[in-house]
PDB file of N, CA and C in Angstrom:
ATOM      1  N   MET A   1     170.846 104.192 133.858  1.00  0.00           N
ATOM      2  CA  MET A   1     169.905 105.286 133.985  1.00  0.00           C
ATOM      3  C   MET A   1     170.442 106.472 133.205  1.00  0.00           C
ATOM      4  N   SER A   2     169.572 107.203 132.529  1.00  0.00           N
ATOM      5  CA  SER A   2     170.003 108.323 131.702  1.00  0.00           C
ATOM      6  C   SER A   2     170.252 109.557 132.551  1.00  0.00           C
ATOM      7  N   ALA A   3     171.038 110.470 131.991  1.00  0.00           N
ATOM      8  CA  ALA A   3     171.356 111.714 132.690  1.00  0.00           C
ATOM      9  C   ALA A   3     170.097 112.550 132.886  1.00  0.00           C
ATOM     10  N   ASN A   4     169.209 112.577 131.896  1.00  0.00           N
ATOM     11  CA  ASN A   4     167.974 113.353 132.013  1.00  0.00           C
ATOM     12  C   ASN A   4     167.100 112.839 133.148  1.00  0.00           C
ATOM     13  N   ARG A   5     167.025 111.536 133.292  1.00  0.00           N
ATOM     14  CA  ARG A   5     166.217 110.961 134.369  1.00  0.00           C
ATOM     15  C   ARG A   5     166.830 111.302 135.723  1.00  0.00           C
ATOM     16  N   ASP A   6     168.166 111.233 135.815  1.00  0.00           N
ATOM     17  CA  ASP A   6     168.843 111.603 137.058  1.00  0.00           C
ATOM     18  C   ASP A   6     168.537 113.041 137.432  1.00  0.00           C
ATOM     19  N   GLU A   7     168.569 113.943 136.454  1.00  0.00           N
ATOM     20  CA  GLU A   7     168.286 115.358 136.711  1.00  0.00           C
ATOM     21  C   GLU A   7     166.837 115.548 137.145  1.00  0.00           C
ATOM     22  N   GLY A   8     165.912 114.844 136.502  1.00  0.00           N
ATOM     23  CA  GLY A   8     164.503 114.955 136.863  1.00  0.00           C
ATOM     24  C   GLY A   8     164.238 114.489 138.276  1.00  0.00           C
ATOM     25  N   GLU A   9     164.865 113.373 138.661  1.00  0.00           N
ATOM     26  CA  GLU A   9     164.692 112.872 140.021  1.00  0.00           C
ATOM     27  C   GLU A   9     165.303 113.833 141.030  1.00  0.00           C
ATOM     28  N   LYS A  10     166.442 114.429 140.683  1.00  0.00           N
ATOM     29  CA  LYS A  10     167.092 115.391 141.580  1.00  0.00           C
ATOM     30  C   LYS A  10     166.205 116.619 141.769  1.00  0.00           C
ATOM     31  N   ARG A  11     165.623 117.144 140.676  1.00  0.00           N
ATOM     32  CA  ARG A  11     164.733 118.308 140.771  1.00  0.00           C
ATOM     33  C   ARG A  11     163.500 117.978 141.603  1.00  0.00           C
ATOM     34  N   ALA A  12     162.969 116.770 141.446  1.00  0.00           N
ATOM     35  CA  ALA A  12     161.778 116.378 142.201  1.00  0.00           C
ATOM     36  C   ALA A  12     162.080 116.348 143.700  1.00  0.00           C
ATOM     37  N   ARG A  13     163.251 115.846 144.071  1.00  0.00           N
ATOM     38  CA  ARG A  13     163.624 115.817 145.485  1.00  0.00           C
ATOM     39  C   ARG A  13     163.841 117.217 146.033  1.00  0.00           C
ATOM     40  N   GLU A  14     164.399 118.106 145.205  1.00  0.00           N
ATOM     41  CA  GLU A  14     164.725 119.450 145.650  1.00  0.00           C
ATOM     42  C   GLU A  14     163.562 120.415 145.482  1.00  0.00           C
ATOM     43  N   GLY A  15     162.473 119.980 144.845  1.00  0.00           N
ATOM     44  CA  GLY A  15     161.346 120.877 144.613  1.00  0.00           C
ATOM     45  C   GLY A  15     161.667 121.901 143.543  1.00  0.00           C
ATOM     46  N   GLY A  16     162.303 121.447 142.456  1.00  0.00           N
ATOM     47  CA  GLY A  16     162.737 122.329 141.381  1.00  0.00           C
ATOM     48  C   GLY A  16     161.582 122.985 140.647  1.00  0.00           C
ATOM     49  N   PRO A  17     161.908 123.823 139.657  1.00  0.00           N
ATOM     50  CA  PRO A  17     160.883 124.589 138.950  1.00  0.00           C
ATOM     51  C   PRO A  17     159.883 123.727 138.185  1.00  0.00           C
ATOM     52  N   GLY A  18     160.281 122.553 137.748  1.00  0.00           N
ATOM     53  CA  GLY A  18     159.370 121.687 137.010  1.00  0.00           C
ATOM     54  C   GLY A  18     158.461 120.879 137.908  1.00  0.00           C
ATOM     55  N   ASP A  19     158.670 120.969 139.213  1.00  0.00           N
ATOM     56  CA  ASP A  19     157.924 120.162 140.164  1.00  0.00           C
ATOM     57  C   ASP A  19     156.426 120.461 140.120  1.00  0.00           C
ATOM     58  N   ASP A  20     156.045 121.733 140.091  1.00  0.00           N
ATOM     59  CA  ASP A  20     154.639 122.112 140.071  1.00  0.00           C
ATOM     60  C   ASP A  20     153.969 121.701 138.761  1.00  0.00           C
ATOM     61  N   ALA A  21     154.661 121.912 137.662  1.00  0.00           N
ATOM     62  CA  ALA A  21     154.106 121.528 136.356  1.00  0.00           C
ATOM     63  C   ALA A  21     153.954 120.014 136.263  1.00  0.00           C
ATOM     64  N   GLU A  22     154.914 119.285 136.792  1.00  0.00           N
ATOM     65  CA  GLU A  22     154.844 117.824 136.769  1.00  0.00           C
ATOM     66  C   GLU A  22     153.688 117.328 137.639  1.00  0.00           C
ATOM     67  N   ARG A  23     153.473 117.954 138.790  1.00  0.00           N
ATOM     68  CA  ARG A  23     152.373 117.580 139.675  1.00  0.00           C
ATOM     69  C   ARG A  23     151.031 117.817 138.984  1.00  0.00           C
ATOM     70  N   ARG A  24     150.887 118.960 138.317  1.00  0.00           N
ATOM     71  CA  ARG A  24     149.635 119.271 137.613  1.00  0.00           C
ATOM     72  C   ARG A  24     149.392 118.280 136.477  1.00  0.00           C
ATOM     73  N   ALA A  25     150.443 117.923 135.752  1.00  0.00           N
ATOM     74  CA  ALA A  25     150.304 116.963 134.649  1.00  0.00           C
ATOM     75  C   ALA A  25     149.882 115.593 135.178  1.00  0.00           C
ATOM     76  N   THR A  26     150.456 115.185 136.303  1.00  0.00           N
ATOM     77  CA  THR A  26     150.101 113.904 136.904  1.00  0.00           C
ATOM     78  C   THR A  26     148.647 113.912 137.357  1.00  0.00           C
ATOM     79  N   GLU A  27     148.222 115.007 138.011  1.00  0.00           N
ATOM     80  CA  GLU A  27     146.832 115.113 138.456  1.00  0.00           C
ATOM     81  C   GLU A  27     145.866 115.080 137.277  1.00  0.00           C
ATOM     82  N   LYS A  28     146.213 115.732 136.184  1.00  0.00           N
ATOM     83  CA  LYS A  28     145.372 115.748 134.981  1.00  0.00           C
ATOM     84  C   LYS A  28     145.264 114.345 134.389  1.00  0.00           C
ATOM     85  N   PHE A  29     146.395 113.649 134.296  1.00  0.00           N
ATOM     86  CA  PHE A  29     146.419 112.287 133.766  1.00  0.00           C
ATOM     87  C   PHE A  29     145.511 111.378 134.586  1.00  0.00           C
ATOM     88  N   ILE A  30     145.621 111.462 135.904  1.00  0.00           N
ATOM     89  CA  ILE A  30     144.819 110.614 136.790  1.00  0.00           C
ATOM     90  C   ILE A  30     143.345 110.977 136.696  1.00  0.00           C
ATOM     91  N   SER A  31     143.026 112.267 136.684  1.00  0.00           N
ATOM     92  CA  SER A  31     141.612 112.655 136.593  1.00  0.00           C
ATOM     93  C   SER A  31     141.012 112.224 135.256  1.00  0.00           C
ATOM     94  N   ASP A  32     141.793 112.268 134.190  1.00  0.00           N
ATOM     95  CA  ASP A  32     141.301 111.801 132.892  1.00  0.00           C
ATOM     96  C   ASP A  32     141.041 110.295 132.904  1.00  0.00           C
ATOM     97  N   LEU A  33     141.941 109.521 133.521  1.00  0.00           N
ATOM     98  CA  LEU A  33     141.734 108.070 133.628  1.00  0.00           C
ATOM     99  C   LEU A  33     140.456 107.769 134.401  1.00  0.00           C
ATOM    100  N   LEU A  34     140.251 108.483 135.507  1.00  0.00           N
ATOM    101  CA  LEU A  34     139.052 108.264 136.322  1.00  0.00           C
ATOM    102  C   LEU A  34     137.791 108.670 135.565  1.00  0.00           C
ATOM    103  N   ALA A  35     137.845 109.786 134.843  1.00  0.00           N
ATOM    104  CA  ALA A  35     136.674 110.261 134.091  1.00  0.00           C
ATOM    105  C   ALA A  35     136.266 109.269 133.010  1.00  0.00           C
ATOM    106  N   ARG A  36     137.233 108.615 132.397  1.00  0.00           N
ATOM    107  CA  ARG A  36     136.928 107.630 131.355  1.00  0.00           C
ATOM    108  C   ARG A  36     136.590 106.255 131.926  1.00  0.00           C
ATOM    109  N   GLY A  37     136.694 106.087 133.235  1.00  0.00           N
ATOM    110  CA  GLY A  37     136.414 104.796 133.860  1.00  0.00           C
ATOM    111  C   GLY A  37     137.514 103.780 133.640  1.00  0.00           C
ATOM    112  N   GLU A  38     138.721 104.251 133.372  1.00  0.00           N
ATOM    113  CA  GLU A  38     139.842 103.355 133.087  1.00  0.00           C
ATOM    114  C   GLU A  38     140.732 103.111 134.297  1.00  0.00           C
ATOM    115  N   ALA A  39     140.396 103.694 135.448  1.00  0.00           N
ATOM    116  CA  ALA A  39     141.237 103.533 136.632  1.00  0.00           C
ATOM    117  C   ALA A  39     140.375 103.355 137.866  1.00  0.00           C
ATOM    118  N   VAL A  40     140.911 102.622 138.836  1.00  0.00           N
ATOM    119  CA  VAL A  40     140.312 102.487 140.153  1.00  0.00           C
ATOM    120  C   VAL A  40     141.408 102.713 141.184  1.00  0.00           C
ATOM    121  N   PHE A  41     141.013 103.082 142.393  1.00  0.00           N
ATOM    122  CA  PHE A  41     141.982 103.204 143.466  1.00  0.00           C
ATOM    123  C   PHE A  41     142.300 101.824 144.012  1.00  0.00           C
ATOM    124  N   GLU A  42     143.510 101.679 144.520  1.00  0.00           N
ATOM    125  CA  GLU A  42     143.946 100.402 145.068  1.00  0.00           C
ATOM    126  C   GLU A  42     142.949  99.923 146.116  1.00  0.00           C
ATOM    127  N   GLY A  43     142.580  98.656 146.047  1.00  0.00           N
ATOM    128  CA  GLY A  43     141.616  98.082 146.969  1.00  0.00           C
ATOM    129  C   GLY A  43     140.216  98.008 146.396  1.00  0.00           C
ATOM    130  N   GLU A  44     139.940  98.789 145.339  1.00  0.00           N
ATOM    131  CA  GLU A  44     138.635  98.723 144.682  1.00  0.00           C
ATOM    132  C   GLU A  44     138.649  97.593 143.665  1.00  0.00           C
ATOM    133  N   GLU A  45     137.470  97.081 143.373  1.00  0.00           N
ATOM    134  CA  GLU A  45     137.331  95.996 142.394  1.00  0.00           C
ATOM    135  C   GLU A  45     137.456  96.554 140.973  1.00  0.00           C
ATOM    136  N   PRO A  46     138.409  96.057 140.187  1.00  0.00           N
ATOM    137  CA  PRO A  46     138.524  96.531 138.800  1.00  0.00           C
ATOM    138  C   PRO A  46     137.328  96.085 137.954  1.00  0.00           C
ATOM    139  N   THR A  47     136.927  96.949 137.033  1.00  0.00           N
ATOM    140  CA  THR A  47     135.856  96.632 136.092  1.00  0.00           C
ATOM    141  C   THR A  47     136.495  96.075 134.818  1.00  0.00           C
ATOM    142  N   PRO A  48     135.697  95.579 133.878  1.00  0.00           N
ATOM    143  CA  PRO A  48     136.276  95.110 132.618  1.00  0.00           C
ATOM    144  C   PRO A  48     137.023  96.213 131.848  1.00  0.00           C
ATOM    145  N   GLY A  49     136.665  97.476 132.069  1.00  0.00           N
ATOM    146  CA  GLY A  49     137.322  98.588 131.379  1.00  0.00           C
ATOM    147  C   GLY A  49     138.489  99.190 132.129  1.00  0.00           C
ATOM    148  N   THR A  50     138.833  98.641 133.293  1.00  0.00           N
ATOM    149  CA  THR A  50     139.923  99.186 134.098  1.00  0.00           C
ATOM    150  C   THR A  50     141.272  98.823 133.499  1.00  0.00           C
ATOM    151  N   THR A  51     142.090  99.841 133.273  1.00  0.00           N
ATOM    152  CA  THR A  51     143.434  99.605 132.744  1.00  0.00           C
ATOM    153  C   THR A  51     144.532 100.026 133.718  1.00  0.00           C
ATOM    154  N   HIS A  52     144.179 100.821 134.729  1.00  0.00           N
ATOM    155  CA  HIS A  52     145.179 101.335 135.669  1.00  0.00           C
ATOM    156  C   HIS A  52     144.663 101.247 137.109  1.00  0.00           C
ATOM    157  N   VAL A  53     145.608 101.126 138.048  1.00  0.00           N
ATOM    158  CA  VAL A  53     145.305 101.155 139.473  1.00  0.00           C
ATOM    159  C   VAL A  53     146.070 102.329 140.078  1.00  0.00           C
ATOM    160  N   ILE A  54     145.379 103.133 140.879  1.00  0.00           N
ATOM    161  CA  ILE A  54     145.968 104.313 141.504  1.00  0.00           C
ATOM    162  C   ILE A  54     146.215 104.012 142.975  1.00  0.00           C
ATOM    163  N   LYS A  55     147.431 104.318 143.431  1.00  0.00           N
ATOM    164  CA  LYS A  55     147.804 104.084 144.818  1.00  0.00           C
ATOM    165  C   LYS A  55     148.195 105.411 145.450  1.00  0.00           C
ATOM    166  N   ARG A  56     147.689 105.668 146.653  1.00  0.00           N
ATOM    167  CA  ARG A  56     148.047 106.884 147.394  1.00  0.00           C
ATOM    168  C   ARG A  56     149.120 106.511 148.416  1.00  0.00           C
ATOM    169  N   ALA A  57     150.267 107.189 148.339  1.00  0.00           N
ATOM    170  CA  ALA A  57     151.368 106.956 149.275  1.00  0.00           C
ATOM    171  C   ALA A  57     151.059 107.635 150.610  1.00  0.00           C
ATOM    172  N   ASP A  58     151.821 107.295 151.626  1.00  0.00           N
ATOM    173  CA  ASP A  58     151.628 107.882 152.953  1.00  0.00           C
ATOM    174  C   ASP A  58     151.769 109.396 152.945  1.00  0.00           C
ATOM    175  N   ASP A  59     152.617 109.923 152.041  1.00  0.00           N
ATOM    176  CA  ASP A  59     152.823 111.374 151.986  1.00  0.00           C
ATOM    177  C   ASP A  59     151.794 112.073 151.088  1.00  0.00           C
ATOM    178  N   GLY A  60     150.820 111.308 150.580  1.00  0.00           N
ATOM    179  CA  GLY A  60     149.755 111.892 149.770  1.00  0.00           C
ATOM    180  C   GLY A  60     149.977 111.834 148.270  1.00  0.00           C
ATOM    181  N   ARG A  61     151.183 111.471 147.831  1.00  0.00           N
ATOM    182  CA  ARG A  61     151.439 111.373 146.396  1.00  0.00           C
ATOM    183  C   ARG A  61     150.678 110.202 145.803  1.00  0.00           C
ATOM    184  N   LEU A  62     150.254 110.376 144.559  1.00  0.00           N
ATOM    185  CA  LEU A  62     149.553 109.320 143.847  1.00  0.00           C
ATOM    186  C   LEU A  62     150.481 108.691 142.824  1.00  0.00           C
ATOM    187  N   THR A  63     150.437 107.374 142.734  1.00  0.00           N
ATOM    188  CA  THR A  63     151.193 106.666 141.708  1.00  0.00           C
ATOM    189  C   THR A  63     150.208 105.824 140.906  1.00  0.00           C
ATOM    190  N   VAL A  64     150.514 105.648 139.636  1.00  0.00           N
ATOM    191  CA  VAL A  64     149.639 104.908 138.731  1.00  0.00           C
ATOM    192  C   VAL A  64     150.394 103.688 138.221  1.00  0.00           C
ATOM    193  N   ARG A  65     149.719 102.540 138.255  1.00  0.00           N
ATOM    194  CA  ARG A  65     150.298 101.305 137.737  1.00  0.00           C
ATOM    195  C   ARG A  65     149.361 100.760 136.673  1.00  0.00           C
ATOM    196  N   ARG A  66     149.946 100.421 135.518  1.00  0.00           N
ATOM    197  CA  ARG A  66     149.132  99.846 134.447  1.00  0.00           C
ATOM    198  C   ARG A  66     148.765  98.420 134.831  1.00  0.00           C
ATOM    199  N   LEU A  67     147.492  98.127 134.687  1.00  0.00           N
ATOM    200  CA  LEU A  67     146.976  96.805 135.001  1.00  0.00           C
ATOM    201  C   LEU A  67     146.939  95.933 133.753  1.00  0.00           C
ATOM    202  N   ARG A  68     146.455  96.501 132.663  1.00  0.00           N
ATOM    203  CA  ARG A  68     146.384  95.789 131.381  1.00  0.00           C
ATOM    204  C   ARG A  68     146.133  96.796 130.270  1.00  0.00           C
ATOM    205  N   PHE A  69     146.225  96.314 129.039  1.00  0.00           N
ATOM    206  CA  PHE A  69     145.996  97.130 127.859  1.00  0.00           C
ATOM    207  C   PHE A  69     144.760  96.602 127.162  1.00  0.00           C
ATOM    208  N   LEU A  70     143.825  97.496 126.845  1.00  0.00           N
ATOM    209  CA  LEU A  70     142.588  97.058 126.183  1.00  0.00           C
ATOM    210  C   LEU A  70     142.567  97.366 124.698  1.00  0.00           C
ATOM    211  N   GLY A  71     143.234  98.402 124.245  1.00  0.00           N
ATOM    212  CA  GLY A  71     143.235  98.744 122.827  1.00  0.00           C
ATOM    213  C   GLY A  71     141.998  99.504 122.407  1.00  0.00           C
ATOM    214  N   TRP A  72     141.880  99.737 121.106  1.00  0.00           N
ATOM    215  CA  TRP A  72     140.807 100.557 120.563  1.00  0.00           C
ATOM    216  C   TRP A  72     139.557  99.784 120.214  1.00  0.00           C
ATOM    217  N   PHE A  73     139.561  98.484 120.382  1.00  0.00           N
ATOM    218  CA  PHE A  73     138.467  97.653 119.913  1.00  0.00           C
ATOM    219  C   PHE A  73     137.326  97.507 120.900  1.00  0.00           C
ATOM    220  N   ARG A  74     137.328  98.227 122.000  1.00  0.00           N
ATOM    221  CA  ARG A  74     136.272  98.065 123.018  1.00  0.00           C
ATOM    222  C   ARG A  74     134.936  98.309 122.451  1.00  0.00           C
TER     223      ARG A  74
END
């Protein structure tokens, strides 16, 4: 594991200064995936255009898992 990743994980646990910016970036990424129809929430039926699955943790955090890659040829 790299030193930068260790520092990022430490800041996330401690609620460091980058925590709010990282949360906003994650929310933007997820909302963009949903707006384009490329993501579904866990338990929903994926469509042919679905590339990601979003899971909500018990503490409310959202995680994104890539399901497949479609490319530019759609």
